[in-house]
N, C-alpha and C. Protein backbone atom coordinates (compact mmCIF):
# COMPACT_ATOMS: atom_id res chain seq x y z
N GLY A 1 14.23 -13.43 -1.65
CA GLY A 1 12.85 -13.22 -1.21
C GLY A 1 12.86 -11.60 -1.08
N PHE A 2 11.73 -11.17 -0.76
CA PHE A 2 11.68 -9.79 -0.11
C PHE A 2 11.98 -9.51 1.02
N ALA A 3 12.96 -8.29 1.17
CA ALA A 3 13.25 -7.93 2.48
C ALA A 3 12.89 -6.61 2.89
N GLY A 4 11.60 -6.25 2.46
CA GLY A 4 11.06 -5.13 2.86
C GLY A 4 11.54 -3.73 1.79
N VAL A 5 10.81 -2.51 2.15
CA VAL A 5 11.26 -1.74 1.13
C VAL A 5 12.42 -1.05 1.27
N THR A 6 12.73 -0.36 0.20
CA THR A 6 14.34 0.00 -0.10
C THR A 6 14.55 1.15 0.71
N ARG A 7 15.57 0.96 1.26
CA ARG A 7 15.91 2.05 2.52
C ARG A 7 17.36 2.27 2.43
N PRO A 8 17.94 3.51 2.17
CA PRO A 8 17.00 4.63 1.71
C PRO A 8 16.37 4.70 0.37
N GLY A 9 15.64 5.45 0.38
CA GLY A 9 14.74 5.38 -0.80
C GLY A 9 13.59 6.34 -0.88
N LEU A 10 12.69 6.26 -2.00
CA LEU A 10 11.46 7.00 -1.96
C LEU A 10 10.71 7.27 -0.61
N ILE A 11 10.51 5.74 -0.04
CA ILE A 11 9.70 5.87 1.05
C ILE A 11 10.16 6.88 2.14
N GLU A 12 11.32 6.70 2.27
CA GLU A 12 11.98 7.75 3.63
C GLU A 12 11.87 8.92 2.81
N LYS A 13 12.35 9.08 1.69
CA LYS A 13 12.20 10.78 1.40
C LYS A 13 10.71 11.23 1.20
N LEU A 14 9.84 10.54 1.40
CA LEU A 14 8.39 10.91 1.33
C LEU A 14 7.98 11.03 2.63
N GLY A 15 8.91 10.44 3.64
CA GLY A 15 8.48 10.29 5.25
C GLY A 15 7.14 9.31 5.50
N ALA A 16 6.99 8.31 4.89
CA ALA A 16 5.94 7.47 5.12
C ALA A 16 6.43 6.73 6.31
N ARG A 17 5.39 6.25 7.22
CA ARG A 17 5.72 5.61 8.40
C ARG A 17 5.63 4.20 8.17
N LEU A 18 6.89 3.35 8.83
CA LEU A 18 6.81 2.21 8.70
C LEU A 18 6.46 1.32 9.93
N ASP A 19 6.31 0.29 10.12
CA ASP A 19 6.22 -0.74 11.44
C ASP A 19 7.47 -1.21 11.79
N ALA A 20 7.49 -1.72 13.02
CA ALA A 20 8.89 -2.44 13.46
C ALA A 20 9.29 -3.36 12.37
N ARG A 21 8.71 -3.93 11.31
CA ARG A 21 9.10 -5.08 10.36
C ARG A 21 9.67 -4.33 9.26
N GLY A 22 9.36 -3.07 9.43
CA GLY A 22 9.99 -2.22 7.85
C GLY A 22 8.81 -2.05 6.74
N ASN A 23 7.52 -2.33 7.16
CA ASN A 23 6.29 -2.46 6.08
C ASN A 23 5.70 -1.07 6.33
N ILE A 24 5.32 -0.58 5.18
CA ILE A 24 4.70 0.66 4.93
C ILE A 24 3.39 0.59 5.89
N ILE A 25 2.87 1.57 6.70
CA ILE A 25 1.67 1.52 7.82
C ILE A 25 0.70 2.23 6.71
N THR A 26 -0.59 1.60 6.47
CA THR A 26 -1.48 2.34 5.78
C THR A 26 -2.80 2.03 6.81
N ASN A 27 -4.00 2.77 6.04
CA ASN A 27 -5.10 2.76 6.91
C ASN A 27 -6.06 1.87 6.29
N GLU A 28 -7.33 1.66 6.54
CA GLU A 28 -8.12 0.67 6.15
C GLU A 28 -8.22 0.83 4.37
N HIS A 29 -8.09 1.97 3.92
CA HIS A 29 -8.33 2.39 2.43
C HIS A 29 -6.88 2.33 1.67
N TYR A 30 -5.83 1.59 2.37
CA TYR A 30 -4.51 1.28 1.83
C TYR A 30 -3.66 2.84 1.74
N GLU A 31 -4.06 3.76 2.51
CA GLU A 31 -3.62 5.09 2.33
C GLU A 31 -2.11 4.97 3.39
N SER A 32 -1.28 5.51 2.76
CA SER A 32 -0.03 5.62 3.70
C SER A 32 -0.14 6.85 4.73
N SER A 33 0.84 7.06 5.34
CA SER A 33 0.76 8.36 6.30
C SER A 33 0.94 9.70 5.41
N VAL A 34 1.46 9.37 3.96
CA VAL A 34 1.69 10.43 3.15
C VAL A 34 0.37 10.55 2.45
N GLU A 35 -0.06 11.79 2.24
CA GLU A 35 -1.14 11.99 1.68
C GLU A 35 -1.03 11.78 -0.04
N ASN A 36 -2.04 10.96 -0.32
CA ASN A 36 -2.33 10.58 -1.71
C ASN A 36 -1.22 9.42 -2.15
N VAL A 37 -0.60 8.65 -1.25
CA VAL A 37 0.51 7.80 -1.66
C VAL A 37 -0.59 6.17 -0.90
N PHE A 38 -0.93 5.54 -1.78
CA PHE A 38 -1.57 4.30 -1.48
C PHE A 38 -0.29 3.07 -1.58
N VAL A 39 -0.75 2.14 -0.74
CA VAL A 39 0.51 1.09 -0.67
C VAL A 39 -0.52 -0.41 -0.64
N ALA A 40 0.11 -1.16 -1.30
CA ALA A 40 -0.51 -2.96 -1.38
C ALA A 40 0.62 -3.73 -1.37
N GLY A 41 0.27 -4.74 -1.14
CA GLY A 41 1.15 -6.17 -1.44
C GLY A 41 2.15 -5.90 -0.45
N ASP A 42 3.36 -6.76 -0.96
CA ASP A 42 4.50 -7.00 0.23
C ASP A 42 4.97 -5.64 1.13
N ALA A 43 5.03 -4.56 0.04
CA ALA A 43 5.28 -3.28 0.98
C ALA A 43 4.49 -3.03 2.01
N ARG A 44 3.22 -3.37 2.02
CA ARG A 44 2.33 -3.00 2.91
C ARG A 44 2.56 -4.26 4.25
N ARG A 45 2.29 -5.63 3.79
CA ARG A 45 2.15 -6.58 4.34
C ARG A 45 3.28 -7.50 4.96
N GLY A 46 4.48 -7.14 3.99
CA GLY A 46 5.71 -7.95 4.22
C GLY A 46 5.50 -8.89 3.18
N ALA A 47 6.79 -9.77 3.04
CA ALA A 47 6.64 -11.16 2.16
C ALA A 47 5.56 -11.88 2.39
N SER A 48 4.94 -12.42 1.40
CA SER A 48 3.67 -12.99 1.42
C SER A 48 3.43 -13.67 0.04
N LEU A 49 2.18 -14.20 -0.24
CA LEU A 49 1.92 -15.19 -1.30
C LEU A 49 1.44 -14.09 -2.17
N ILE A 50 1.82 -14.51 -3.33
CA ILE A 50 1.56 -13.47 -4.64
C ILE A 50 -0.26 -13.21 -4.71
N VAL A 51 -1.12 -14.25 -4.45
CA VAL A 51 -2.38 -13.95 -4.44
C VAL A 51 -2.78 -12.94 -3.31
N TRP A 52 -1.93 -12.69 -2.18
CA TRP A 52 -2.29 -11.76 -1.13
C TRP A 52 -2.02 -10.38 -2.04
N ALA A 53 -0.83 -10.35 -2.88
CA ALA A 53 -0.47 -9.28 -3.30
C ALA A 53 -1.34 -8.61 -4.49
N ILE A 54 -2.01 -9.70 -5.23
CA ILE A 54 -2.84 -9.29 -6.27
C ILE A 54 -4.19 -8.94 -5.94
N ALA A 55 -4.67 -9.46 -4.58
CA ALA A 55 -6.18 -9.17 -3.99
C ALA A 55 -5.73 -7.70 -3.34
N GLU A 56 -4.70 -7.24 -2.57
CA GLU A 56 -4.50 -6.10 -1.94
C GLU A 56 -4.40 -5.16 -3.26
N GLY A 57 -3.77 -5.23 -4.15
CA GLY A 57 -3.48 -4.50 -5.57
C GLY A 57 -5.10 -4.10 -5.86
N ARG A 58 -6.06 -5.09 -6.22
CA ARG A 58 -7.31 -4.80 -6.55
C ARG A 58 -8.02 -3.65 -5.76
N ARG A 59 -7.75 -4.38 -4.24
CA ARG A 59 -8.43 -3.31 -3.41
C ARG A 59 -8.12 -1.83 -3.44
N ALA A 60 -6.65 -1.78 -3.37
CA ALA A 60 -6.06 -0.39 -3.49
C ALA A 60 -6.65 0.53 -4.88
N ALA A 61 -6.72 -0.33 -5.81
CA ALA A 61 -7.12 0.40 -7.02
C ALA A 61 -8.29 0.94 -6.75
N ARG A 62 -9.27 0.14 -6.35
CA ARG A 62 -10.73 0.52 -5.84
C ARG A 62 -10.63 1.74 -4.92
N ALA A 63 -9.58 1.61 -3.87
CA ALA A 63 -9.80 2.95 -3.06
C ALA A 63 -8.99 4.15 -3.76
N ILE A 64 -8.18 3.99 -4.71
CA ILE A 64 -7.78 4.94 -5.58
C ILE A 64 -8.87 5.57 -6.23
N ASP A 65 -9.77 4.52 -7.00
CA ASP A 65 -10.77 4.97 -7.99
C ASP A 65 -11.92 5.81 -6.75
N GLU A 66 -12.19 5.35 -5.58
CA GLU A 66 -13.20 5.79 -5.06
C GLU A 66 -12.89 7.50 -4.53
N ARG A 67 -11.13 7.57 -4.23
CA ARG A 67 -10.66 8.78 -3.83
C ARG A 67 -10.73 9.66 -5.29
N LEU A 68 -10.31 9.56 -6.27
CA LEU A 68 -10.19 10.64 -7.33
C LEU A 68 -11.68 10.59 -8.03
N MET A 69 -12.62 9.58 -8.06
CA MET A 69 -14.12 9.65 -8.60
C MET A 69 -15.31 9.97 -7.67
N GLY A 70 -14.85 9.80 -6.41
CA GLY A 70 -16.16 9.68 -5.73
C GLY A 70 -16.54 8.54 -5.34
N ALA A 71 -16.72 7.48 -6.11
CA ALA A 71 -17.25 6.18 -6.25
C ALA A 71 -16.47 5.34 -6.92
N SER A 72 -16.88 4.20 -6.97
CA SER A 72 -16.05 3.20 -7.68
C SER A 72 -16.99 2.06 -8.43
N LEU A 73 -16.88 1.80 -9.84
CA LEU A 73 -17.56 0.57 -10.41
C LEU A 73 -16.77 -0.55 -10.18
N LEU A 74 -15.50 -0.55 -9.71
CA LEU A 74 -14.76 -1.79 -9.52
C LEU A 74 -15.40 -2.80 -8.38
N PRO A 75 -15.22 -4.23 -8.63
CA PRO A 75 -15.96 -4.89 -7.61
C PRO A 75 -14.87 -4.84 -6.21
N HIS A 76 -15.80 -5.35 -5.39
CA HIS A 76 -15.24 -5.39 -3.94
C HIS A 76 -14.16 -6.47 -4.04
């Protein structure tokens, strides 16, 4: 099963903030505390159902598209 983001590893090197359970903290747009680093799925929520990871991945992709393009044609 998923036991949280790998530590030590990239997330610690970047300096992303983690919650008490070791998940990466994000805002409502899936942005971590590190500029231009977006997070979704188990790394954000902790171990969960694959359908949540898929849904979050899609929402994160939309947020990234909006950041890069100023708007997104991807569905909500």
